[in-house]
N, C-alpha and C. Protein backbone atom coordinates (compact mmCIF):
# COMPACT_ATOMS: atom_id res chain seq x y z
N MET A 1 42.72 45.19 28.23
CA MET A 1 42.23 45.50 29.60
C MET A 1 41.68 44.29 30.21
N ALA A 2 42.11 43.93 31.60
CA ALA A 2 41.62 42.71 32.09
C ALA A 2 40.38 42.71 32.71
N LEU A 3 39.67 41.63 32.77
CA LEU A 3 38.31 41.56 33.33
C LEU A 3 38.32 41.11 34.68
N ASP A 4 37.43 41.83 35.51
CA ASP A 4 37.35 41.30 36.91
C ASP A 4 36.55 40.09 36.98
N ALA A 5 36.41 39.58 38.10
CA ALA A 5 35.53 38.32 38.43
C ALA A 5 34.14 38.32 37.94
N ASP A 6 33.44 39.65 38.18
CA ASP A 6 32.07 39.78 38.00
C ASP A 6 31.95 39.63 36.15
N GLN A 7 32.87 40.25 35.77
CA GLN A 7 32.79 40.38 34.17
C GLN A 7 32.99 39.01 33.61
N LYS A 8 34.05 38.48 34.12
CA LYS A 8 34.38 36.92 33.49
C LYS A 8 33.14 36.11 33.90
N GLY A 9 32.54 36.14 35.06
CA GLY A 9 31.41 35.30 35.14
C GLY A 9 30.24 35.67 34.38
N SER A 10 30.08 36.90 33.90
CA SER A 10 28.95 37.43 33.09
C SER A 10 29.25 36.79 31.69
N VAL A 11 30.45 36.83 31.18
CA VAL A 11 30.88 36.30 29.86
C VAL A 11 30.61 34.81 29.84
N ARG A 12 31.00 34.09 30.98
CA ARG A 12 30.81 32.60 30.94
C ARG A 12 29.26 32.38 31.00
N GLY A 13 28.54 33.10 31.76
CA GLY A 13 27.05 32.96 31.84
C GLY A 13 26.48 33.17 30.39
N GLY A 14 26.90 34.32 29.55
CA GLY A 14 26.29 34.45 28.47
C GLY A 14 26.52 33.24 27.43
N GLU A 15 27.96 32.85 27.40
CA GLU A 15 28.41 31.69 26.59
C GLU A 15 27.47 30.45 26.92
N ARG A 16 27.07 30.21 28.19
CA ARG A 16 26.23 29.07 28.61
C ARG A 16 24.92 29.29 27.92
N VAL A 17 24.36 30.47 28.04
CA VAL A 17 22.88 30.68 27.54
C VAL A 17 23.03 30.41 25.92
N LYS A 18 23.98 30.89 25.29
CA LYS A 18 24.18 30.76 23.84
C LYS A 18 24.23 29.19 23.53
N SER A 19 24.92 28.49 24.34
CA SER A 19 25.20 27.04 24.16
C SER A 19 23.86 26.23 24.53
N MET A 20 23.19 26.68 25.50
CA MET A 20 21.75 26.04 25.62
C MET A 20 20.77 26.25 24.78
N ARG A 21 20.89 27.44 24.21
CA ARG A 21 19.91 27.93 23.07
C ARG A 21 20.32 27.14 21.64
N LEU A 22 21.49 26.93 21.47
CA LEU A 22 21.87 26.13 20.28
C LEU A 22 21.63 24.64 20.46
N ILE A 23 21.75 24.11 21.63
CA ILE A 23 21.30 22.70 21.92
C ILE A 23 19.88 22.51 21.89
N ALA A 24 19.19 23.48 22.35
CA ALA A 24 17.58 23.45 22.27
C ALA A 24 17.19 23.47 20.84
N CYS A 25 18.00 24.37 20.03
CA CYS A 25 17.53 24.40 18.79
C CYS A 25 17.74 23.16 17.76
N VAL A 26 18.82 22.49 18.19
CA VAL A 26 19.32 21.21 17.61
C VAL A 26 18.28 20.15 17.90
N CYS A 27 17.73 20.25 19.18
CA CYS A 27 16.87 19.13 19.70
C CYS A 27 15.43 19.35 19.04
N LEU A 28 15.05 20.64 18.96
CA LEU A 28 13.77 20.69 18.24
C LEU A 28 13.83 20.51 16.83
N THR A 29 14.97 20.75 16.10
CA THR A 29 15.00 20.17 14.80
C THR A 29 15.03 18.78 14.63
N MET A 30 15.71 17.90 15.44
CA MET A 30 15.52 16.67 15.47
C MET A 30 14.21 16.04 15.67
N LEU A 31 13.55 16.81 16.73
CA LEU A 31 12.19 16.22 17.06
C LEU A 31 11.21 16.49 15.89
N LEU A 32 11.28 17.63 15.03
CA LEU A 32 10.38 17.86 14.00
C LEU A 32 10.58 16.81 12.81
N CYS A 33 12.02 16.45 12.80
CA CYS A 33 12.27 15.60 11.64
C CYS A 33 11.83 14.11 11.91
N LEU A 34 11.58 13.80 13.34
CA LEU A 34 11.28 12.52 13.86
C LEU A 34 9.61 12.50 13.53
N ILE A 35 9.02 13.68 13.93
CA ILE A 35 7.57 13.72 13.61
C ILE A 35 7.23 13.51 12.26
N THR A 36 7.98 14.37 11.29
CA THR A 36 7.76 14.16 9.93
C THR A 36 7.70 12.87 9.36
N ALA A 37 8.98 12.16 9.74
CA ALA A 37 9.14 10.81 9.40
C ALA A 37 8.08 9.75 9.80
N SER A 38 7.65 10.14 11.14
CA SER A 38 6.54 9.24 11.55
C SER A 38 5.29 9.45 10.81
N ALA A 39 5.01 10.68 10.39
CA ALA A 39 3.87 11.03 9.75
C ALA A 39 3.77 10.33 8.29
N GLN A 40 5.12 10.38 7.75
CA GLN A 40 5.14 9.98 6.53
C GLN A 40 4.95 8.42 6.35
N GLY A 41 5.43 7.80 7.40
CA GLY A 41 5.32 6.38 7.51
C GLY A 41 4.02 5.88 7.67
N LYS A 42 3.09 6.66 8.52
CA LYS A 42 1.78 6.36 8.74
C LYS A 42 0.94 6.60 7.52
N SER A 43 1.34 7.59 6.68
CA SER A 43 0.58 7.90 5.46
C SER A 43 0.99 6.72 4.24
N GLY A 44 1.85 5.96 4.49
CA GLY A 44 2.32 5.18 3.37
C GLY A 44 3.26 5.76 2.38
N GLU A 45 4.01 6.73 2.94
CA GLU A 45 4.98 7.20 2.17
C GLU A 45 4.33 8.10 0.86
N GLY A 46 3.13 8.78 1.33
CA GLY A 46 2.48 9.63 0.31
C GLY A 46 1.43 8.92 -0.34
N LYS A 47 1.18 7.58 -0.19
CA LYS A 47 0.14 6.88 -0.74
C LYS A 47 -1.05 7.23 -0.14
N VAL A 48 -2.13 7.05 -0.96
CA VAL A 48 -3.71 7.36 -0.45
C VAL A 48 -4.40 5.97 -0.80
N ARG A 49 -5.16 5.52 0.16
CA ARG A 49 -5.84 4.35 -0.32
C ARG A 49 -7.37 4.74 -0.40
N VAL A 50 -7.90 4.08 -1.55
CA VAL A 50 -9.22 4.35 -1.91
C VAL A 50 -9.93 3.07 -2.02
N LEU A 51 -11.34 2.91 -1.76
CA LEU A 51 -12.03 1.74 -1.90
C LEU A 51 -13.14 2.13 -3.04
N ILE A 52 -13.26 1.40 -3.99
CA ILE A 52 -14.14 1.29 -5.00
C ILE A 52 -15.13 0.26 -4.77
N GLN A 53 -16.41 0.67 -4.10
CA GLN A 53 -17.42 -0.53 -4.03
C GLN A 53 -18.21 -0.61 -5.07
N THR A 54 -18.49 -1.64 -5.74
CA THR A 54 -19.32 -1.92 -7.01
C THR A 54 -20.43 -3.09 -6.69
N GLU A 55 -21.30 -3.17 -7.38
CA GLU A 55 -22.18 -4.27 -7.24
C GLU A 55 -21.52 -5.52 -7.58
N ALA A 56 -20.40 -5.48 -8.34
CA ALA A 56 -19.76 -6.66 -8.62
C ALA A 56 -18.72 -7.21 -7.58
N GLY A 57 -18.41 -6.27 -6.51
CA GLY A 57 -17.49 -6.44 -5.55
C GLY A 57 -16.36 -5.37 -5.38
N GLU A 58 -15.60 -5.42 -4.60
CA GLU A 58 -14.67 -4.27 -4.04
C GLU A 58 -13.41 -4.31 -4.97
N ILE A 59 -12.77 -3.12 -5.19
CA ILE A 59 -11.68 -2.77 -5.86
C ILE A 59 -10.89 -1.92 -4.91
N GLU A 60 -9.71 -2.15 -4.45
CA GLU A 60 -9.01 -1.28 -3.52
C GLU A 60 -7.71 -0.77 -4.48
N VAL A 61 -7.47 0.63 -4.26
CA VAL A 61 -6.59 1.22 -4.97
C VAL A 61 -5.78 2.09 -4.20
N GLU A 62 -4.25 2.12 -4.58
CA GLU A 62 -3.39 3.13 -4.00
C GLU A 62 -3.36 4.16 -5.02
N ILE A 63 -3.43 5.50 -4.52
CA ILE A 63 -3.14 6.52 -5.56
C ILE A 63 -1.91 7.38 -5.09
N TYR A 64 -1.34 8.14 -5.89
CA TYR A 64 0.05 8.69 -5.50
C TYR A 64 0.20 10.20 -5.72
N PRO A 65 -0.42 11.07 -4.75
CA PRO A 65 -0.29 12.41 -4.81
C PRO A 65 1.00 13.07 -4.98
N ALA A 66 2.15 12.38 -4.40
CA ALA A 66 3.59 13.06 -4.75
C ALA A 66 3.97 12.84 -6.08
N LYS A 67 3.52 11.87 -6.86
CA LYS A 67 3.85 11.49 -8.24
C LYS A 67 2.97 12.21 -9.27
N ALA A 68 1.71 12.30 -9.01
CA ALA A 68 0.66 12.77 -9.88
C ALA A 68 -0.29 13.95 -9.17
N PRO A 69 0.26 14.73 -8.62
CA PRO A 69 -0.49 15.73 -7.69
C PRO A 69 -1.78 16.27 -8.35
N ILE A 70 -1.73 16.68 -9.36
CA ILE A 70 -2.81 17.31 -10.35
C ILE A 70 -4.04 16.32 -10.41
N THR A 71 -3.54 15.13 -10.97
CA THR A 71 -4.52 14.18 -11.13
C THR A 71 -5.37 13.59 -9.94
N VAL A 72 -4.42 13.38 -9.01
CA VAL A 72 -4.90 12.92 -7.62
C VAL A 72 -5.95 13.70 -7.08
N ALA A 73 -5.40 15.12 -7.01
CA ALA A 73 -6.32 16.17 -6.37
C ALA A 73 -7.68 16.26 -7.07
N ASN A 74 -7.61 16.10 -8.54
CA ASN A 74 -8.81 16.20 -9.13
C ASN A 74 -9.85 14.74 -8.89
N PHE A 75 -9.30 13.81 -8.96
CA PHE A 75 -10.04 12.51 -8.67
C PHE A 75 -10.48 12.58 -7.22
N LEU A 76 -9.82 13.16 -6.22
CA LEU A 76 -10.25 13.15 -4.80
C LEU A 76 -11.42 14.17 -4.68
N LYS A 77 -11.37 15.22 -5.71
CA LYS A 77 -12.38 16.14 -5.46
C LYS A 77 -13.84 15.49 -5.75
N TYR A 78 -13.70 14.58 -6.79
CA TYR A 78 -15.04 13.93 -7.28
C TYR A 78 -15.39 13.01 -6.30
N VAL A 79 -14.38 12.27 -5.59
CA VAL A 79 -14.72 11.27 -4.56
C VAL A 79 -15.39 11.90 -3.32
N GLY A 80 -14.64 12.98 -2.90
CA GLY A 80 -15.18 13.87 -1.71
C GLY A 80 -16.53 14.26 -1.99
N GLY A 81 -16.86 14.71 -3.21
CA GLY A 81 -18.14 15.28 -3.55
C GLY A 81 -19.14 14.42 -3.83
N GLY A 82 -18.86 13.05 -3.65
CA GLY A 82 -20.06 12.05 -3.92
C GLY A 82 -20.47 11.78 -5.23
N PHE A 83 -19.51 12.34 -6.28
CA PHE A 83 -19.97 12.20 -7.63
C PHE A 83 -20.09 10.84 -8.21
N TYR A 84 -19.14 9.85 -7.62
CA TYR A 84 -19.17 8.59 -7.98
C TYR A 84 -20.21 7.67 -7.38
N GLU A 85 -21.03 8.12 -6.32
CA GLU A 85 -22.21 7.28 -5.84
C GLU A 85 -23.24 7.28 -6.93
N GLY A 86 -23.50 6.18 -7.28
CA GLY A 86 -24.45 6.05 -8.41
C GLY A 86 -23.94 5.99 -9.82
N GLY A 87 -22.50 6.16 -9.80
CA GLY A 87 -21.79 6.23 -11.03
C GLY A 87 -21.67 4.67 -11.56
N VAL A 88 -21.07 4.58 -12.77
CA VAL A 88 -21.02 3.15 -13.37
C VAL A 88 -19.66 2.89 -13.96
N PHE A 89 -19.31 1.60 -14.10
CA PHE A 89 -18.52 1.13 -15.08
C PHE A 89 -19.25 0.99 -16.40
N HIS A 90 -18.97 1.58 -17.31
CA HIS A 90 -19.72 1.63 -18.55
C HIS A 90 -19.17 1.07 -19.64
N ARG A 91 -17.78 0.84 -19.68
CA ARG A 91 -17.14 0.54 -21.02
C ARG A 91 -16.30 -0.57 -20.55
N THR A 92 -16.03 -1.71 -21.55
CA THR A 92 -15.06 -2.76 -21.39
C THR A 92 -14.36 -2.78 -22.81
N VAL A 93 -13.09 -2.89 -22.79
CA VAL A 93 -12.23 -2.88 -24.00
C VAL A 93 -11.60 -4.16 -23.82
N ARG A 94 -11.99 -4.99 -24.94
CA ARG A 94 -11.27 -6.42 -24.97
C ARG A 94 -10.75 -6.58 -26.33
N PRO A 95 -9.94 -7.66 -26.62
CA PRO A 95 -9.33 -7.98 -27.88
C PRO A 95 -10.41 -7.99 -28.98
N ASP A 96 -11.60 -8.62 -28.66
CA ASP A 96 -12.48 -8.82 -29.65
C ASP A 96 -13.56 -7.80 -29.99
N ASN A 97 -13.50 -6.61 -29.46
CA ASN A 97 -14.29 -5.54 -29.49
C ASN A 97 -13.74 -4.18 -29.97
N GLN A 98 -12.52 -4.25 -30.60
CA GLN A 98 -12.07 -3.17 -31.05
C GLN A 98 -11.35 -3.25 -32.45
N PRO A 99 -12.17 -3.59 -33.42
CA PRO A 99 -11.84 -3.91 -34.73
C PRO A 99 -11.21 -2.92 -35.64
N ASN A 100 -11.49 -1.74 -35.38
CA ASN A 100 -10.98 -0.68 -36.01
C ASN A 100 -9.70 0.06 -35.48
N ASN A 101 -9.24 -0.60 -34.41
CA ASN A 101 -8.04 -0.11 -33.79
C ASN A 101 -6.82 -1.12 -34.06
N ASN A 102 -5.63 -0.82 -34.59
CA ASN A 102 -4.56 -1.52 -34.73
C ASN A 102 -3.85 -1.87 -33.77
N VAL A 103 -3.86 -0.79 -32.77
CA VAL A 103 -3.19 -1.02 -31.39
C VAL A 103 -4.29 -1.26 -30.39
N LYS A 104 -4.14 -2.66 -30.04
CA LYS A 104 -5.27 -3.22 -29.02
C LYS A 104 -4.86 -2.81 -27.63
N ILE A 105 -5.95 -2.62 -26.75
CA ILE A 105 -5.74 -2.54 -25.29
C ILE A 105 -6.83 -3.21 -24.56
N GLU A 106 -6.47 -3.40 -23.26
CA GLU A 106 -7.61 -3.98 -22.50
C GLU A 106 -7.81 -3.14 -21.20
N VAL A 107 -9.01 -2.41 -21.11
CA VAL A 107 -9.27 -1.59 -19.98
C VAL A 107 -10.79 -1.70 -19.47
N ILE A 108 -11.13 -1.29 -18.22
CA ILE A 108 -12.52 -1.02 -18.25
C ILE A 108 -12.55 0.35 -17.75
N GLN A 109 -13.66 1.06 -18.18
CA GLN A 109 -13.72 2.42 -17.87
C GLN A 109 -15.05 2.82 -17.08
N ALA A 110 -14.84 3.93 -15.95
CA ALA A 110 -15.89 4.11 -15.11
C ALA A 110 -16.10 5.61 -15.25
N GLY A 111 -17.43 6.19 -14.70
CA GLY A 111 -17.62 7.48 -14.72
C GLY A 111 -18.56 7.85 -13.60
N VAL A 112 -18.90 9.09 -13.30
CA VAL A 112 -19.63 9.58 -12.33
C VAL A 112 -21.03 9.23 -12.41
N ASN A 113 -21.83 9.52 -11.53
CA ASN A 113 -23.39 9.41 -11.57
C ASN A 113 -23.91 10.34 -12.75
N PRO A 114 -24.52 9.86 -13.73
CA PRO A 114 -24.91 10.65 -14.83
C PRO A 114 -25.70 11.88 -14.53
N GLU A 115 -26.48 11.77 -13.31
CA GLU A 115 -27.26 12.99 -12.87
C GLU A 115 -26.39 14.19 -12.40
N LYS A 116 -25.15 13.76 -12.09
CA LYS A 116 -24.22 14.74 -11.54
C LYS A 116 -23.02 15.17 -12.65
N LYS A 117 -23.16 14.60 -13.86
CA LYS A 117 -22.14 14.92 -14.82
C LYS A 117 -22.02 16.34 -15.09
N ASP A 118 -23.01 17.04 -15.28
CA ASP A 118 -23.17 18.52 -15.51
C ASP A 118 -22.53 19.41 -14.45
N ARG A 119 -22.54 18.79 -13.25
CA ARG A 119 -21.81 19.67 -12.01
C ARG A 119 -20.47 19.48 -11.83
N GLY A 120 -19.73 18.84 -12.77
CA GLY A 120 -18.41 18.53 -12.51
C GLY A 120 -17.33 19.74 -12.54
N PHE A 121 -16.07 19.54 -12.48
CA PHE A 121 -15.04 20.48 -12.40
C PHE A 121 -14.39 20.60 -13.93
N GLU A 122 -13.61 21.64 -13.90
CA GLU A 122 -12.89 22.01 -15.02
C GLU A 122 -11.96 20.82 -15.44
N PRO A 123 -11.71 20.71 -16.65
CA PRO A 123 -10.59 19.61 -17.21
C PRO A 123 -9.23 19.87 -16.47
N VAL A 124 -8.47 18.98 -16.40
CA VAL A 124 -7.15 19.20 -15.57
C VAL A 124 -6.03 18.92 -16.84
N LYS A 125 -4.74 19.55 -16.40
CA LYS A 125 -3.49 19.40 -17.11
C LYS A 125 -3.20 17.84 -17.15
N LEU A 126 -2.78 17.40 -18.24
CA LEU A 126 -2.23 15.99 -18.49
C LEU A 126 -0.97 15.81 -17.75
N GLU A 127 -0.78 14.99 -16.80
CA GLU A 127 0.38 14.64 -16.27
C GLU A 127 1.00 13.30 -16.91
N ARG A 128 2.06 13.53 -17.82
CA ARG A 128 2.42 12.40 -18.76
C ARG A 128 3.26 11.47 -17.88
N THR A 129 3.34 10.15 -18.35
CA THR A 129 4.04 9.26 -17.61
C THR A 129 5.42 9.31 -17.62
N ASN A 130 5.95 10.11 -18.51
CA ASN A 130 7.51 10.33 -18.62
C ASN A 130 7.77 11.37 -17.60
N GLN A 131 6.76 12.15 -17.04
CA GLN A 131 7.06 13.05 -15.88
C GLN A 131 6.85 12.46 -14.60
N THR A 132 5.88 11.65 -14.45
CA THR A 132 5.49 11.06 -13.24
C THR A 132 6.03 9.70 -12.87
N GLY A 133 6.50 9.02 -13.82
CA GLY A 133 7.14 7.66 -13.79
C GLY A 133 6.15 6.52 -13.36
N LEU A 134 4.80 6.91 -13.54
CA LEU A 134 3.80 5.82 -13.34
C LEU A 134 3.35 5.37 -14.66
N LYS A 135 3.53 3.99 -14.83
CA LYS A 135 3.43 3.40 -16.07
C LYS A 135 1.86 2.60 -16.06
N HIS A 136 1.42 2.39 -17.18
CA HIS A 136 0.17 1.57 -17.39
C HIS A 136 0.45 0.06 -17.46
N VAL A 137 0.76 -0.48 -16.17
CA VAL A 137 0.96 -1.82 -15.94
C VAL A 137 -0.40 -2.37 -15.40
N ASN A 138 -0.47 -3.66 -15.39
CA ASN A 138 -1.51 -4.39 -14.96
C ASN A 138 -2.08 -3.75 -13.62
N GLY A 139 -3.34 -3.24 -13.67
CA GLY A 139 -3.95 -2.62 -12.55
C GLY A 139 -3.88 -1.43 -12.31
N ALA A 140 -2.96 -0.62 -13.16
CA ALA A 140 -2.93 0.90 -13.18
C ALA A 140 -4.22 1.52 -13.48
N VAL A 141 -4.38 2.61 -12.61
CA VAL A 141 -5.45 3.39 -12.62
C VAL A 141 -5.25 4.78 -13.33
N SER A 142 -6.02 5.11 -14.33
CA SER A 142 -5.59 6.29 -15.21
C SER A 142 -6.84 7.11 -15.62
N MET A 143 -6.66 8.25 -16.14
CA MET A 143 -7.74 9.20 -16.52
C MET A 143 -8.00 8.98 -17.92
N ALA A 144 -9.41 9.00 -18.34
CA ALA A 144 -9.79 8.81 -19.67
C ALA A 144 -9.62 10.33 -20.26
N ARG A 145 -9.44 10.55 -21.55
CA ARG A 145 -9.46 11.78 -22.02
C ARG A 145 -9.62 11.68 -23.56
N SER A 146 -9.75 12.79 -24.28
CA SER A 146 -9.88 12.82 -25.73
C SER A 146 -8.46 13.45 -26.10
N GLY A 147 -8.44 14.85 -26.23
CA GLY A 147 -7.13 15.51 -26.30
C GLY A 147 -6.56 15.78 -25.05
N PRO A 148 -5.21 16.27 -25.06
CA PRO A 148 -4.43 16.56 -23.93
C PRO A 148 -5.39 17.68 -23.12
N ASP A 149 -5.11 17.49 -21.76
CA ASP A 149 -5.67 18.54 -20.80
C ASP A 149 -7.20 18.57 -20.96
N THR A 150 -7.83 17.27 -21.21
CA THR A 150 -9.23 17.41 -21.34
C THR A 150 -9.85 16.47 -20.21
N ALA A 151 -8.98 15.78 -19.50
CA ALA A 151 -9.60 14.75 -18.56
C ALA A 151 -10.30 15.52 -17.42
N THR A 152 -11.50 14.83 -17.11
CA THR A 152 -12.35 15.37 -15.90
C THR A 152 -12.69 14.22 -14.91
N SER A 153 -13.68 13.49 -15.07
CA SER A 153 -13.93 12.43 -14.18
C SER A 153 -14.00 11.13 -14.44
N ASP A 154 -13.95 10.77 -15.74
CA ASP A 154 -13.95 9.38 -16.22
C ASP A 154 -12.52 8.70 -15.86
N PHE A 155 -12.37 7.67 -15.29
CA PHE A 155 -11.06 6.86 -15.18
C PHE A 155 -11.19 5.49 -15.80
N PHE A 156 -10.18 4.80 -15.78
CA PHE A 156 -10.03 3.42 -16.21
C PHE A 156 -8.96 2.73 -15.62
N ILE A 157 -9.21 1.35 -15.62
CA ILE A 157 -8.27 0.25 -14.86
C ILE A 157 -7.74 -0.55 -15.90
N CYS A 158 -6.40 -0.76 -16.06
CA CYS A 158 -5.91 -1.56 -16.89
C CYS A 158 -5.88 -3.04 -16.67
N ILE A 159 -6.26 -3.84 -17.45
CA ILE A 159 -6.25 -5.20 -17.44
C ILE A 159 -5.10 -5.86 -18.20
N GLY A 160 -3.91 -6.20 -17.60
CA GLY A 160 -2.54 -6.44 -18.27
C GLY A 160 -1.89 -5.28 -18.36
N ASP A 161 -0.59 -5.35 -18.64
CA ASP A 161 0.25 -4.34 -19.00
C ASP A 161 -0.13 -3.55 -20.26
N GLN A 162 -0.21 -2.34 -20.29
CA GLN A 162 -0.72 -1.52 -21.42
C GLN A 162 0.28 -0.38 -21.75
N PRO A 163 1.51 -0.71 -22.40
CA PRO A 163 2.57 0.23 -22.38
C PRO A 163 2.02 1.20 -23.60
N GLU A 164 1.15 0.97 -24.35
CA GLU A 164 0.80 1.84 -25.64
C GLU A 164 -0.06 3.00 -25.02
N LEU A 165 -0.31 2.86 -23.84
CA LEU A 165 -1.03 4.05 -23.24
C LEU A 165 -0.18 4.95 -22.48
N ASP A 166 1.16 4.71 -22.31
CA ASP A 166 2.18 5.60 -21.81
C ASP A 166 2.59 6.74 -22.63
N TYR A 167 3.27 7.60 -22.34
CA TYR A 167 3.84 8.66 -23.23
C TYR A 167 4.57 8.06 -24.30
N GLY A 168 4.43 8.42 -25.53
CA GLY A 168 5.01 7.81 -26.68
C GLY A 168 4.38 6.65 -27.28
N GLY A 169 3.29 6.11 -26.62
CA GLY A 169 2.46 4.99 -27.08
C GLY A 169 1.68 5.41 -28.25
N LYS A 170 1.20 4.23 -28.91
CA LYS A 170 0.55 4.52 -30.31
C LYS A 170 -1.01 4.45 -30.06
N ARG A 171 -1.71 4.27 -28.86
CA ARG A 171 -2.95 4.06 -28.94
C ARG A 171 -3.69 5.28 -29.19
N ASN A 172 -3.13 6.38 -28.80
CA ASN A 172 -3.64 7.77 -28.99
C ASN A 172 -2.65 8.42 -29.92
N PRO A 173 -3.32 8.91 -31.14
CA PRO A 173 -2.41 9.59 -32.29
C PRO A 173 -1.52 10.67 -31.83
N ASP A 174 -1.86 11.41 -30.72
CA ASP A 174 -1.06 12.44 -30.39
C ASP A 174 0.19 12.00 -29.63
N GLY A 175 0.29 10.57 -29.19
CA GLY A 175 1.39 10.24 -28.76
C GLY A 175 1.79 10.69 -27.25
N GLN A 176 0.88 11.36 -26.52
CA GLN A 176 0.89 11.86 -25.25
C GLN A 176 0.69 10.99 -23.98
N GLY A 177 0.09 9.80 -24.36
CA GLY A 177 -0.30 9.03 -23.46
C GLY A 177 -1.49 9.48 -22.37
N PHE A 178 -1.70 8.72 -21.52
CA PHE A 178 -2.77 9.19 -20.31
C PHE A 178 -2.17 9.34 -18.89
N ALA A 179 -2.83 9.87 -18.13
CA ALA A 179 -2.24 10.22 -16.89
C ALA A 179 -2.53 9.13 -15.82
N ALA A 180 -1.68 8.15 -15.72
CA ALA A 180 -1.77 6.96 -14.71
C ALA A 180 -1.64 7.73 -13.31
N PHE A 181 -2.32 7.34 -12.34
CA PHE A 181 -2.27 7.96 -10.95
C PHE A 181 -2.29 6.92 -9.67
N GLY A 182 -2.53 5.68 -10.19
CA GLY A 182 -2.60 4.78 -8.97
C GLY A 182 -2.56 3.28 -9.54
N LEU A 183 -2.90 2.42 -8.54
CA LEU A 183 -2.59 0.95 -8.79
C LEU A 183 -3.50 0.17 -7.98
N VAL A 184 -4.33 -0.76 -8.62
CA VAL A 184 -5.10 -1.83 -7.78
C VAL A 184 -4.33 -2.61 -6.77
N THR A 185 -4.62 -2.68 -5.54
CA THR A 185 -3.95 -3.52 -4.63
C THR A 185 -4.79 -4.86 -4.12
N ARG A 186 -5.89 -4.73 -4.59
CA ARG A 186 -6.96 -5.97 -4.30
C ARG A 186 -8.15 -5.57 -5.04
N GLY A 187 -8.70 -6.82 -5.57
CA GLY A 187 -9.83 -6.72 -6.44
C GLY A 187 -9.71 -6.65 -7.86
N MET A 188 -8.44 -7.36 -8.30
CA MET A 188 -8.24 -7.56 -9.79
C MET A 188 -9.26 -8.48 -10.37
N ASP A 189 -9.58 -9.44 -9.61
CA ASP A 189 -10.73 -10.34 -10.06
C ASP A 189 -11.91 -9.76 -10.28
N VAL A 190 -12.32 -8.64 -9.52
CA VAL A 190 -13.40 -7.83 -9.68
C VAL A 190 -13.32 -7.16 -11.19
N ALA A 191 -12.37 -6.55 -11.16
CA ALA A 191 -11.99 -5.86 -12.51
C ALA A 191 -12.07 -6.70 -13.81
N LYS A 192 -11.54 -7.84 -13.64
CA LYS A 192 -11.65 -8.82 -14.82
C LYS A 192 -12.97 -9.30 -15.17
N LYS A 193 -13.91 -9.38 -13.91
CA LYS A 193 -15.08 -9.97 -14.00
C LYS A 193 -16.06 -8.82 -14.76
N ILE A 194 -15.86 -7.60 -14.47
CA ILE A 194 -16.46 -6.48 -15.15
C ILE A 194 -16.06 -6.46 -16.50
N GLN A 195 -14.74 -6.62 -16.84
CA GLN A 195 -14.29 -6.73 -18.25
C GLN A 195 -15.13 -7.66 -19.29
N GLN A 196 -15.53 -8.81 -18.49
CA GLN A 196 -15.90 -9.98 -19.12
C GLN A 196 -17.41 -9.98 -19.06
N SER A 197 -18.00 -8.91 -18.58
CA SER A 197 -19.61 -8.67 -18.52
C SER A 197 -20.03 -8.70 -19.85
N PRO A 198 -21.42 -8.72 -20.03
CA PRO A 198 -22.04 -8.67 -21.32
C PRO A 198 -21.93 -7.20 -21.73
N ALA A 199 -21.73 -7.01 -23.01
CA ALA A 199 -21.38 -5.84 -23.71
C ALA A 199 -22.08 -5.79 -25.18
N ASP A 200 -22.51 -4.58 -25.57
CA ASP A 200 -22.70 -4.19 -26.97
C ASP A 200 -21.78 -3.41 -27.53
N GLY A 201 -20.78 -4.04 -28.12
CA GLY A 201 -19.56 -3.47 -28.58
C GLY A 201 -18.79 -3.41 -27.27
N GLN A 202 -18.42 -2.21 -27.09
CA GLN A 202 -17.58 -1.70 -25.85
C GLN A 202 -18.48 -1.28 -24.70
N LYS A 203 -19.76 -1.08 -24.90
CA LYS A 203 -20.70 -0.70 -23.94
C LYS A 203 -21.27 -1.67 -23.08
N LEU A 204 -21.02 -1.60 -21.74
CA LEU A 204 -21.62 -2.79 -21.01
C LEU A 204 -23.02 -2.73 -20.76
N THR A 205 -23.48 -3.80 -20.95
CA THR A 205 -25.12 -3.96 -20.93
C THR A 205 -25.57 -4.99 -20.08
N PRO A 206 -26.03 -4.68 -18.91
CA PRO A 206 -26.10 -3.31 -18.42
C PRO A 206 -24.87 -2.68 -17.78
N PRO A 207 -24.66 -1.56 -17.47
CA PRO A 207 -23.58 -1.05 -16.85
C PRO A 207 -23.44 -1.72 -15.51
N VAL A 208 -22.25 -1.63 -14.92
CA VAL A 208 -21.94 -2.25 -13.51
C VAL A 208 -21.87 -1.00 -12.57
N ARG A 209 -22.78 -0.92 -11.66
CA ARG A 209 -23.18 0.26 -10.88
C ARG A 209 -22.01 0.49 -9.60
N ILE A 210 -21.48 1.59 -9.58
CA ILE A 210 -20.71 2.04 -8.39
C ILE A 210 -21.62 2.41 -7.32
N LEU A 211 -21.44 1.65 -6.17
CA LEU A 211 -22.20 2.00 -4.91
C LEU A 211 -21.40 3.27 -4.32
N LYS A 212 -20.26 3.30 -4.25
CA LYS A 212 -19.53 4.38 -3.59
C LYS A 212 -17.96 4.05 -3.82
N ILE A 213 -17.31 5.37 -3.87
CA ILE A 213 -15.83 5.33 -3.80
C ILE A 213 -15.61 6.33 -2.64
N LYS A 214 -14.58 5.70 -1.59
CA LYS A 214 -14.36 6.46 -0.47
C LYS A 214 -12.81 6.35 -0.26
N ARG A 215 -12.26 7.29 0.54
CA ARG A 215 -11.01 7.10 1.06
C ARG A 215 -10.86 6.29 2.10
N LYS A 216 -9.75 5.52 2.34
CA LYS A 216 -9.60 4.63 3.57
C LYS A 216 -8.59 5.34 4.55
N GLN A 217 -7.83 6.30 4.14
CA GLN A 217 -7.01 7.00 4.96
C GLN A 217 -6.93 8.41 4.65
């Protein structure tokens, strides 16, 4: 059955509407992609910058929520709650103060304000380095722990590369390694100064006080 002029115009009009809707949908999708890409660029491709202010100087760190989401979220809870204000770097591990360890490492370890330690959060699941791809290289920031899935608020900074702290490393007998989640980008001189501070064994005497840890973005 042939269409009259009005019917043909109606069909063409409907096709134009469909075409316009399709074009609008494509344009909106492209716009959303551009907005997402712009946001990722501004956020440093998923990196979060954190400033550790100590009485010995400042240490700036990048942490990686896309690679170690559980560990980063836990750390930022303590940062956001002000737990590290009045906290301390309390431990230095150097080649000369670990006589009972066949596998030597070099790190400095910090914790929350002792008065707030009992108000902390539950331990978090261990994010192993073979899963995250984050290794214990020079300046790596990682979580202290005893057994797997026991990390809470204490963290440490590697002085030099420490592969024995990665998954499969021999520093911890269980071989599970530690959860690296960030990297020092400025202030390794401060970290090294803390490592060389006076200590009784591995205990810094006095500890180096943390003034504040805050997000920079």
